[in-house]
Amino acid sequence: MVEHRFPNTTSVASKALDDNSYLDYFSDIPGSMPGTLNIESDSSPPVIVLIDYDEANAVRQEIETPEDCIPFLDSESVSWLDVKGLGSEDVLRRLGQVFNLHPLVLEDIVNVPQRPKIEEYDEQLLIIARMVTIKSSGHGFISEQVSLILGRHYLLTVQEEPEYDCFGPIRERIRTNKGTIRKQGADYLAYALLDAIIDGFFPVLEEYGEKIEALEDEVVANPSRQTLEKIHAVKRELLG
């Protein structure tokens, strides 16, 4: 997960050093086999939550191992397994076994960040997206990768960290049977989550739109070295 802050700036030159960091998407270690998992040492341990539902019933439970969801996968209900945290190679490989994930899918899930994309496999659809959330402090935002693996009656989502996501309203709609979500399949659930991810960008865009507008006014009215430092700070925030 990338944590963005509004740093105290003292040198414009020092801010320019990392301006190309947004290009630093993950690349495999040279010589590594396809499907190699590179777990970051500071990754959070996985928290696994299963939500299983149909039109009549909905069940939510935190499970200990990926194998605990197997009985639900054999039913006609929709099973949503949400995994938050990439800190256990053992859990992630067992997840791959339970859901019969292609090794390259597992690699894309774990080796972050990947560029947003959609890839089709025999019985699954892989969607890689980025989710942004304004920090509770109001200073900066959190940006992390979200991987969605869509099957016939299930959706597997994998997030980098357990603290942040924008899926709360979707969980509440399932819990209260609000709208049509529990009458629909796993594909509709994937659509709803992607819609929530997109909606999550608007508060960030609004905040930075206001900051940029204020900087534009400052440039016209009273530009200074501090103005340049503020511009570089905002640029670094947006580029990561």
Protein backbone atom coordinates (compact mmCIF):
# COMPACT_ATOMS: atom_id res chain seq x y z
CA MET A 1 0.00 0.00 0.00
CA VAL A 2 1.20 3.50 -0.80
CA GLU A 3 0.60 6.06 1.96
CA HIS A 4 0.59 9.63 0.72
CA ARG A 5 1.36 12.54 3.02
CA PHE A 6 1.63 16.28 2.70
CA PRO A 7 5.34 16.62 3.56
CA ASN A 8 7.09 19.65 5.04
CA THR A 9 9.22 20.86 2.15
CA THR A 10 12.61 22.51 2.50
CA SER A 11 14.21 21.97 -0.90
CA VAL A 12 12.62 22.15 -4.33
CA ALA A 13 15.48 20.16 -5.82
CA SER A 14 15.03 17.29 -3.39
CA LYS A 15 11.38 17.00 -4.39
CA ALA A 16 12.27 16.55 -8.05
CA LEU A 17 14.39 13.45 -7.39
CA ASP A 18 11.40 11.12 -7.10
CA ASP A 19 9.13 12.72 -9.70
CA ASN A 20 9.32 9.61 -11.89
CA SER A 21 8.28 7.25 -9.09
CA TYR A 22 4.88 6.82 -10.72
CA LEU A 23 6.67 4.86 -13.45
CA ASP A 24 8.01 2.34 -10.95
CA TYR A 25 5.46 -0.40 -11.48
CA PHE A 26 6.48 -3.83 -10.36
CA SER A 27 8.83 -5.82 -12.55
CA ASP A 28 9.95 -9.36 -11.85
CA ILE A 29 13.37 -10.01 -10.40
CA PRO A 30 15.60 -10.91 -13.37
CA GLY A 31 15.81 -14.68 -13.81
CA SER A 32 12.84 -15.46 -11.56
CA MET A 33 10.39 -18.12 -12.71
CA PRO A 34 6.92 -17.07 -13.93
CA GLY A 35 4.53 -17.16 -10.99
CA THR A 36 7.18 -16.23 -8.43
CA LEU A 37 5.68 -14.49 -5.39
CA ASN A 38 7.72 -11.68 -3.88
CA ILE A 39 6.21 -10.88 -0.48
CA GLU A 40 7.17 -7.48 0.91
CA SER A 41 8.59 -7.76 4.43
CA ASP A 42 6.25 -5.06 5.75
CA SER A 43 3.07 -6.55 4.25
CA SER A 44 0.15 -6.99 6.63
CA PRO A 45 -0.94 -10.54 7.56
CA PRO A 46 -4.07 -11.58 5.67
CA VAL A 47 -7.52 -11.10 7.16
CA ILE A 48 -10.10 -13.25 5.35
CA VAL A 49 -13.81 -12.48 5.40
CA LEU A 50 -16.45 -14.56 3.63
CA ILE A 51 -19.84 -13.14 2.68
CA ASP A 52 -22.19 -15.72 1.20
CA TYR A 53 -25.67 -14.74 0.08
CA ASP A 54 -28.70 -15.36 -2.06
CA GLU A 55 -32.06 -13.61 -2.24
CA ALA A 56 -33.28 -15.22 1.00
CA ASN A 57 -30.20 -15.32 3.24
CA ALA A 58 -26.84 -13.68 3.85
CA VAL A 59 -23.97 -14.90 6.03
CA ARG A 60 -20.79 -13.05 6.98
CA GLN A 61 -17.92 -14.67 8.84
CA GLU A 62 -14.20 -14.23 9.32
CA ILE A 63 -12.43 -17.45 8.42
CA GLU A 64 -9.06 -18.81 9.43
CA THR A 65 -7.95 -20.54 6.22
CA PRO A 66 -8.91 -20.39 2.54
CA GLU A 67 -10.10 -24.00 2.77
CA ASP A 68 -12.90 -22.92 5.12
CA CYS A 69 -14.78 -21.39 2.20
CA ILE A 70 -14.89 -24.59 0.10
CA PRO A 71 -18.36 -25.74 1.30
CA PHE A 72 -19.81 -22.39 0.21
CA LEU A 73 -18.23 -22.57 -3.24
CA ASP A 74 -20.16 -25.76 -4.00
CA SER A 75 -23.54 -24.03 -3.59
CA GLU A 76 -25.54 -21.89 -6.01
CA SER A 77 -25.35 -18.84 -3.73
CA VAL A 78 -22.90 -15.99 -4.35
CA SER A 79 -19.69 -16.28 -2.34
CA TRP A 80 -17.53 -13.19 -1.85
CA LEU A 81 -14.16 -13.91 -0.27
CA ASP A 82 -12.39 -10.68 0.69
CA VAL A 83 -8.71 -11.04 1.59
CA LYS A 84 -6.98 -8.01 3.11
CA GLY A 85 -3.22 -8.23 3.45
CA LEU A 86 -0.44 -9.86 1.42
CA GLY A 87 1.86 -10.87 4.26
CA SER A 88 1.64 -14.68 4.08
CA GLU A 89 2.90 -16.63 1.08
CA ASP A 90 1.45 -19.83 2.55
CA VAL A 91 -2.08 -18.38 2.78
CA LEU A 92 -1.87 -16.89 -0.69
CA ARG A 93 -0.66 -20.13 -2.29
CA ARG A 94 -3.44 -22.06 -0.53
CA LEU A 95 -5.85 -19.45 -1.84
CA GLY A 96 -4.53 -20.20 -5.31
CA GLN A 97 -5.17 -23.92 -4.79
CA VAL A 98 -8.72 -23.44 -3.51
CA PHE A 99 -9.70 -21.19 -6.41
CA ASN A 100 -7.53 -22.95 -8.98
CA LEU A 101 -5.76 -19.71 -9.84
CA HIS A 102 -3.29 -19.59 -12.70
CA PRO A 103 0.25 -18.94 -11.38
CA LEU A 104 0.40 -15.68 -13.32
CA VAL A 105 -2.83 -14.52 -11.67
CA LEU A 106 -1.35 -15.15 -8.25
CA GLU A 107 1.79 -13.30 -9.30
CA ASP A 108 -0.23 -10.26 -10.40
CA ILE A 109 -2.14 -10.27 -7.10
CA VAL A 110 0.96 -10.39 -4.90
CA ASN A 111 3.61 -8.49 -6.83
CA VAL A 112 2.27 -4.97 -6.49
CA PRO A 113 1.74 -2.49 -7.94
CA GLN A 114 0.48 -3.71 -11.29
CA ARG A 115 -1.09 -1.51 -13.94
CA PRO A 116 -4.91 -1.66 -14.07
CA LYS A 117 -5.98 -4.35 -16.53
CA ILE A 118 -8.45 -7.11 -17.33
CA GLU A 119 -7.35 -10.61 -18.32
CA GLU A 120 -9.60 -13.50 -19.28
CA TYR A 121 -8.84 -17.09 -18.30
CA ASP A 122 -10.77 -20.29 -19.02
CA GLU A 123 -13.27 -19.98 -16.16
CA GLN A 124 -12.19 -16.75 -14.50
CA LEU A 125 -11.82 -13.06 -15.16
CA LEU A 126 -8.98 -11.14 -13.51
CA ILE A 127 -9.45 -7.42 -12.90
CA ILE A 128 -6.65 -5.30 -11.46
CA ALA A 129 -7.73 -1.87 -10.19
CA ARG A 130 -6.46 0.90 -7.96
CA MET A 131 -8.47 2.18 -5.02
CA VAL A 132 -7.93 5.55 -3.36
CA THR A 133 -9.26 6.67 0.01
CA ILE A 134 -8.91 10.02 1.77
CA LYS A 135 -7.14 9.51 5.10
CA SER A 136 -9.23 10.07 8.20
CA SER A 137 -6.89 12.91 9.17
CA GLY A 138 -7.80 14.71 5.96
CA HIS A 139 -4.12 15.02 5.00
CA GLY A 140 -3.22 12.99 1.92
CA PHE A 141 -4.75 9.78 0.66
CA ILE A 142 -4.20 6.04 0.58
CA SER A 143 -3.69 4.29 -2.76
CA GLU A 144 -3.61 0.52 -3.04
CA GLN A 145 -4.12 -2.26 -5.55
CA VAL A 146 -7.32 -4.28 -5.52
CA SER A 147 -7.47 -7.57 -7.43
CA LEU A 148 -10.82 -9.10 -8.37
CA ILE A 149 -11.12 -12.68 -9.61
CA LEU A 150 -14.59 -13.39 -10.94
CA GLY A 151 -15.89 -16.95 -11.26
CA ARG A 152 -19.31 -18.38 -12.00
CA HIS A 153 -20.76 -18.11 -8.47
CA TYR A 154 -17.96 -16.40 -6.59
CA LEU A 155 -15.85 -13.28 -6.40
CA LEU A 156 -12.42 -13.20 -4.79
CA THR A 157 -11.05 -9.78 -3.87
CA VAL A 158 -7.53 -9.21 -2.58
CA GLN A 159 -6.42 -5.91 -1.07
CA GLU A 160 -3.03 -4.80 0.18
CA GLU A 161 -4.09 -3.57 3.61
CA PRO A 162 -6.94 -4.23 6.07
CA GLU A 163 -7.51 -0.66 7.28
CA TYR A 164 -8.94 1.04 4.22
CA ASP A 165 -11.47 0.30 1.51
CA CYS A 166 -14.62 1.80 0.00
CA PHE A 167 -16.75 -1.35 0.06
CA GLY A 168 -18.68 -0.61 3.25
CA PRO A 169 -21.86 0.50 1.43
CA ILE A 170 -21.83 -2.68 -0.66
CA ARG A 171 -21.52 -4.86 2.43
CA GLU A 172 -24.43 -2.96 3.99
CA ARG A 173 -26.59 -3.44 0.90
CA ILE A 174 -25.96 -7.17 1.10
CA ARG A 175 -26.64 -7.29 4.84
CA THR A 176 -29.92 -5.36 4.65
CA ASN A 177 -31.02 -6.78 1.28
CA LYS A 178 -31.29 -3.27 -0.08
CA GLY A 179 -31.78 -2.87 -3.80
CA THR A 180 -31.33 -5.81 -6.17
CA ILE A 181 -27.82 -6.93 -5.27
CA ARG A 182 -28.91 -10.17 -3.58
CA LYS A 183 -31.04 -11.07 -6.58
CA GLN A 184 -28.04 -10.82 -8.88
CA GLY A 185 -24.97 -12.95 -9.47
CA ALA A 186 -21.27 -12.59 -8.75
CA ASP A 187 -20.81 -10.53 -11.91
CA TYR A 188 -23.14 -7.86 -10.54
CA LEU A 189 -21.17 -7.85 -7.28
CA ALA A 190 -17.97 -7.24 -9.24
CA TYR A 191 -19.68 -4.37 -11.06
CA ALA A 192 -20.88 -2.86 -7.77
CA LEU A 193 -17.39 -3.00 -6.24
CA LEU A 194 -15.79 -1.41 -9.31
CA ASP A 195 -18.44 1.30 -9.24
CA ALA A 196 -17.57 1.97 -5.58
CA ILE A 197 -13.87 2.14 -6.47
CA ILE A 198 -14.57 4.74 -9.15
CA ASP A 199 -16.78 6.76 -6.79
CA GLY A 200 -13.91 6.78 -4.30
CA PHE A 201 -11.81 8.90 -6.66
CA PHE A 202 -14.19 11.86 -6.62
CA PRO A 203 -13.46 13.09 -3.04
CA VAL A 204 -9.74 12.89 -3.84
CA LEU A 205 -10.20 14.81 -7.09
CA GLU A 206 -12.27 17.43 -5.31
CA GLU A 207 -9.67 17.91 -2.57
CA TYR A 208 -6.79 18.25 -5.00
CA GLY A 209 -8.84 20.44 -7.32
CA GLU A 210 -9.27 22.90 -4.46
CA LYS A 211 -5.55 22.75 -3.59
CA ILE A 212 -4.50 23.33 -7.20
CA GLU A 213 -6.95 26.22 -7.56
CA ALA A 214 -5.49 27.84 -4.42
CA LEU A 215 -1.97 27.40 -5.82
CA GLU A 216 -3.00 28.98 -9.12
CA ASP A 217 -4.31 32.01 -7.24
CA GLU A 218 -1.06 32.22 -5.28
CA VAL A 219 1.03 32.02 -8.45
CA VAL A 220 -0.88 34.96 -9.95
CA ALA A 221 -1.11 37.10 -6.81
CA ASN A 222 2.11 36.53 -4.87
CA PRO A 223 4.45 33.82 -6.21
CA SER A 224 7.45 32.86 -4.08
CA ARG A 225 9.89 30.01 -3.47
CA GLN A 226 7.36 28.55 -1.04
CA THR A 227 4.84 28.47 -3.88
CA LEU A 228 7.19 26.30 -5.93
CA GLU A 229 7.72 23.99 -2.98
CA LYS A 230 3.96 23.64 -2.55
CA ILE A 231 3.59 22.80 -6.26
CA HIS A 232 6.27 20.11 -6.03
CA ALA A 233 4.67 18.75 -2.86
CA VAL A 234 1.29 18.38 -4.56
CA LYS A 235 2.93 16.82 -7.61
CA ARG A 236 4.67 14.25 -5.45
CA GLU A 237 1.40 13.51 -3.66
CA LEU A 238 -0.37 12.80 -6.93
CA LEU A 239 2.42 10.81 -8.58
CA GLY A 240 3.17 8.76 -5.47
